[in-house]
Amino acid sequence: MSTIKLETSTEDHHLARMAAAAFGLSVLEAAIPSPLPGVKPGLANIVTLIVLTRYGWRAAAWVSLLRVIAGSLLFGNFLAPGFFLSLSGAVCSLLVLAASRHLPHRVFGPVSQSILAAFAHISGQMVVVYVWLIPHAGLAWLLPIFAAAALLFGTVNGIIATRFLSPDSAPATHPT
């Protein structure tokens, strides 16, 4: 019988830890009561922004999509409407983050990227809700609430990600 040996790099291990951190934040967030279904802080997006800045878009996409799939499996909604809502939001935000990487970095940093991604996330979810679940024009009345939440949480998450990315927050190295 032959064994298959998988070669993994240090970066693979780090990205797995980042995906686990994003997943853990998703689990924590699920325990936070929400005043309106679908309005969540998106804490895992902090990790996605950090990975985007440090490792690039492809790594951020892996972390984000692994979090969505693992979360849906844990919460028992894989291939259920909640999974597709989460997936559509993640895909739309990842597409916007890919485009935002081409904007001037001195103007568009983690905070503006986080806001853009938050708006894309809720836009993707609203499209899926309208096209698949509730095709009713009354959904438009919820847009200001979701837009305000996207602006608030996108800003806060971007500020937190910026803080983690700042040189002051880097782990101290101790001489051995």
Protein backbone atom coordinates (compact mmCIF):
# COMPACT_ATOMS: atom_id res chain seq x y z
CA MET A 1 0.00 0.00 0.00
CA SER A 2 1.41 3.38 -0.95
CA THR A 3 1.04 6.52 1.08
CA ILE A 4 0.40 9.93 -0.30
CA LYS A 5 2.57 12.63 1.15
CA LEU A 6 1.28 16.16 0.92
CA GLU A 7 3.82 18.92 0.93
CA THR A 8 2.74 22.02 2.78
CA SER A 9 4.61 25.24 3.24
CA THR A 10 4.88 27.54 6.22
CA GLU A 11 2.58 29.93 4.36
CA ASP A 12 -0.02 27.14 3.96
CA HIS A 13 0.06 26.58 7.70
CA HIS A 14 -0.27 30.29 8.40
CA LEU A 15 -3.21 30.62 6.03
CA ALA A 16 -4.87 27.63 7.69
CA ARG A 17 -4.47 29.38 11.04
CA MET A 18 -5.93 32.57 9.57
CA ALA A 19 -8.90 30.62 8.16
CA ALA A 20 -9.38 29.04 11.58
CA ALA A 21 -9.30 32.49 13.19
CA ALA A 22 -11.90 33.75 10.70
CA PHE A 23 -14.01 30.68 11.39
CA GLY A 24 -13.71 31.23 15.14
CA LEU A 25 -14.85 34.83 14.75
CA SER A 26 -17.82 33.60 12.71
CA VAL A 27 -18.77 31.21 15.51
CA LEU A 28 -18.42 34.02 18.06
CA GLU A 29 -20.53 36.30 15.91
CA ALA A 30 -23.27 33.68 15.63
CA ALA A 31 -23.67 33.91 19.42
CA ILE A 32 -24.29 37.68 19.27
CA PRO A 33 -28.01 38.50 19.10
CA SER A 34 -29.00 40.57 16.08
CA PRO A 35 -31.76 43.18 16.13
CA LEU A 36 -32.51 42.44 12.47
CA PRO A 37 -31.87 39.16 10.64
CA GLY A 38 -28.85 39.50 8.41
CA VAL A 39 -27.32 42.43 10.27
CA LYS A 40 -24.04 41.16 11.67
CA PRO A 41 -20.72 42.87 12.32
CA GLY A 42 -18.78 40.60 9.94
CA LEU A 43 -15.87 40.11 12.33
CA ALA A 44 -14.29 37.44 10.13
CA ASN A 45 -13.80 40.09 7.47
CA ILE A 46 -11.09 41.61 9.67
CA VAL A 47 -9.03 38.47 9.08
CA THR A 48 -9.81 38.57 5.36
CA LEU A 49 -8.53 42.16 5.14
CA ILE A 50 -5.34 41.27 6.99
CA VAL A 51 -4.72 38.29 4.71
CA LEU A 52 -5.50 40.43 1.65
CA THR A 53 -2.90 43.00 2.67
CA ARG A 54 -0.20 40.55 3.75
CA TYR A 55 -0.64 37.65 1.31
CA GLY A 56 -2.73 38.92 -1.59
CA TRP A 57 -6.16 38.36 -3.04
CA ARG A 58 -5.87 34.63 -3.76
CA ALA A 59 -5.02 33.85 -0.12
CA ALA A 60 -7.83 36.12 1.08
CA ALA A 61 -10.26 34.31 -1.20
CA TRP A 62 -9.20 30.93 0.21
CA VAL A 63 -9.59 32.14 3.80
CA SER A 64 -12.99 33.68 3.10
CA LEU A 65 -14.39 30.72 1.18
CA LEU A 66 -13.04 28.17 3.67
CA ARG A 67 -14.74 30.15 6.44
CA VAL A 68 -18.07 30.15 4.60
CA ILE A 69 -17.95 26.42 3.88
CA ALA A 70 -16.75 25.42 7.36
CA GLY A 71 -19.32 27.68 8.99
CA SER A 72 -22.15 26.24 6.95
CA LEU A 73 -21.07 22.71 7.83
CA LEU A 74 -20.83 23.52 11.54
CA PHE A 75 -24.17 25.32 11.67
CA GLY A 76 -25.89 22.71 9.53
CA ASN A 77 -26.93 24.97 6.67
CA PHE A 78 -24.67 23.71 3.90
CA LEU A 79 -26.55 24.12 0.59
CA ALA A 80 -29.44 25.78 2.46
CA PRO A 81 -30.49 29.38 1.71
CA GLY A 82 -28.25 30.73 4.50
CA PHE A 83 -25.23 29.12 2.87
CA PHE A 84 -26.00 30.70 -0.50
CA LEU A 85 -26.57 34.08 1.13
CA SER A 86 -23.22 33.86 2.89
CA LEU A 87 -21.48 32.59 -0.25
CA SER A 88 -22.96 35.29 -2.48
CA GLY A 89 -21.92 37.98 -0.01
CA ALA A 90 -18.41 36.57 0.25
CA VAL A 91 -17.99 36.25 -3.53
CA CYS A 92 -19.23 39.79 -4.19
CA SER A 93 -17.00 41.25 -1.49
CA LEU A 94 -14.01 39.29 -2.83
CA LEU A 95 -14.66 40.62 -6.35
CA VAL A 96 -14.78 44.18 -5.02
CA LEU A 97 -11.62 43.60 -3.00
CA ALA A 98 -9.90 42.32 -6.14
CA ALA A 99 -10.86 45.50 -7.98
CA SER A 100 -9.94 47.72 -5.02
CA ARG A 101 -6.36 46.42 -5.11
CA HIS A 102 -5.91 48.53 -8.26
CA LEU A 103 -6.98 51.77 -6.58
CA PRO A 104 -4.37 54.23 -5.22
CA HIS A 105 -3.09 52.80 -1.92
CA ARG A 106 -2.57 56.20 -0.33
CA VAL A 107 -6.32 56.86 -0.60
CA PHE A 108 -7.79 53.34 -0.50
CA GLY A 109 -6.50 51.34 2.44
CA PRO A 110 -8.05 48.67 4.67
CA VAL A 111 -10.82 50.97 5.95
CA SER A 112 -12.10 51.97 2.52
CA GLN A 113 -11.64 48.40 1.26
CA SER A 114 -13.63 47.13 4.23
CA ILE A 115 -16.46 49.59 3.54
CA LEU A 116 -16.54 48.68 -0.17
CA ALA A 117 -16.51 44.97 0.69
CA ALA A 118 -19.31 45.42 3.25
CA PHE A 119 -21.50 47.16 0.67
CA ALA A 120 -20.71 44.48 -1.91
CA HIS A 121 -21.48 41.75 0.63
CA ILE A 122 -24.93 43.08 1.48
CA SER A 123 -25.63 43.87 -2.19
CA GLY A 124 -24.86 40.30 -3.19
CA GLN A 125 -27.08 38.98 -0.44
CA MET A 126 -29.95 41.30 -1.34
CA VAL A 127 -29.78 40.21 -4.98
CA VAL A 128 -30.01 36.55 -3.95
CA VAL A 129 -32.88 37.30 -1.57
CA TYR A 130 -34.77 39.20 -4.25
CA VAL A 131 -34.11 36.79 -7.13
CA TRP A 132 -34.55 33.54 -5.21
CA LEU A 133 -36.29 33.93 -1.87
CA ILE A 134 -38.49 37.03 -1.68
CA PRO A 135 -39.09 38.65 -5.08
CA HIS A 136 -40.94 41.63 -3.64
CA ALA A 137 -40.23 45.32 -4.19
CA GLY A 138 -40.79 45.92 -0.46
CA LEU A 139 -37.24 44.69 0.14
CA ALA A 140 -36.06 48.10 -1.01
CA TRP A 141 -37.31 49.53 2.28
CA LEU A 142 -34.61 47.54 4.07
CA LEU A 143 -31.77 48.92 1.96
CA PRO A 144 -31.12 52.03 4.12
CA ILE A 145 -30.85 49.86 7.24
CA PHE A 146 -28.48 47.41 5.59
CA ALA A 147 -26.47 50.24 4.01
CA ALA A 148 -26.08 51.95 7.38
CA ALA A 149 -24.97 48.67 8.95
CA ALA A 150 -22.49 48.08 6.10
CA LEU A 151 -21.04 51.56 6.55
CA LEU A 152 -20.78 51.22 10.34
CA PHE A 153 -19.40 47.69 10.48
CA GLY A 154 -17.22 48.16 7.40
CA THR A 155 -15.62 51.19 9.03
CA VAL A 156 -15.11 49.52 12.40
CA ASN A 157 -13.71 46.33 10.87
CA GLY A 158 -11.39 48.34 8.63
CA ILE A 159 -10.09 50.31 11.60
CA ILE A 160 -9.48 47.09 13.56
CA ALA A 161 -7.70 45.50 10.58
CA THR A 162 -5.57 48.63 10.16
CA ARG A 163 -4.59 48.43 13.82
CA PHE A 164 -3.50 44.80 13.40
CA LEU A 165 -1.57 45.71 10.26
CA SER A 166 0.26 48.65 11.82
CA PRO A 167 3.95 48.18 12.65
CA ASP A 168 3.20 48.92 16.33
CA SER A 169 1.01 45.81 16.57
CA ALA A 170 3.59 43.40 15.17
CA PRO A 171 4.61 40.72 17.63
CA ALA A 172 7.79 41.55 19.46
CA THR A 173 10.75 39.37 18.66
CA HIS A 174 12.80 38.31 21.62
CA PRO A 175 16.50 37.60 21.26
CA THR A 176 17.32 33.99 21.99
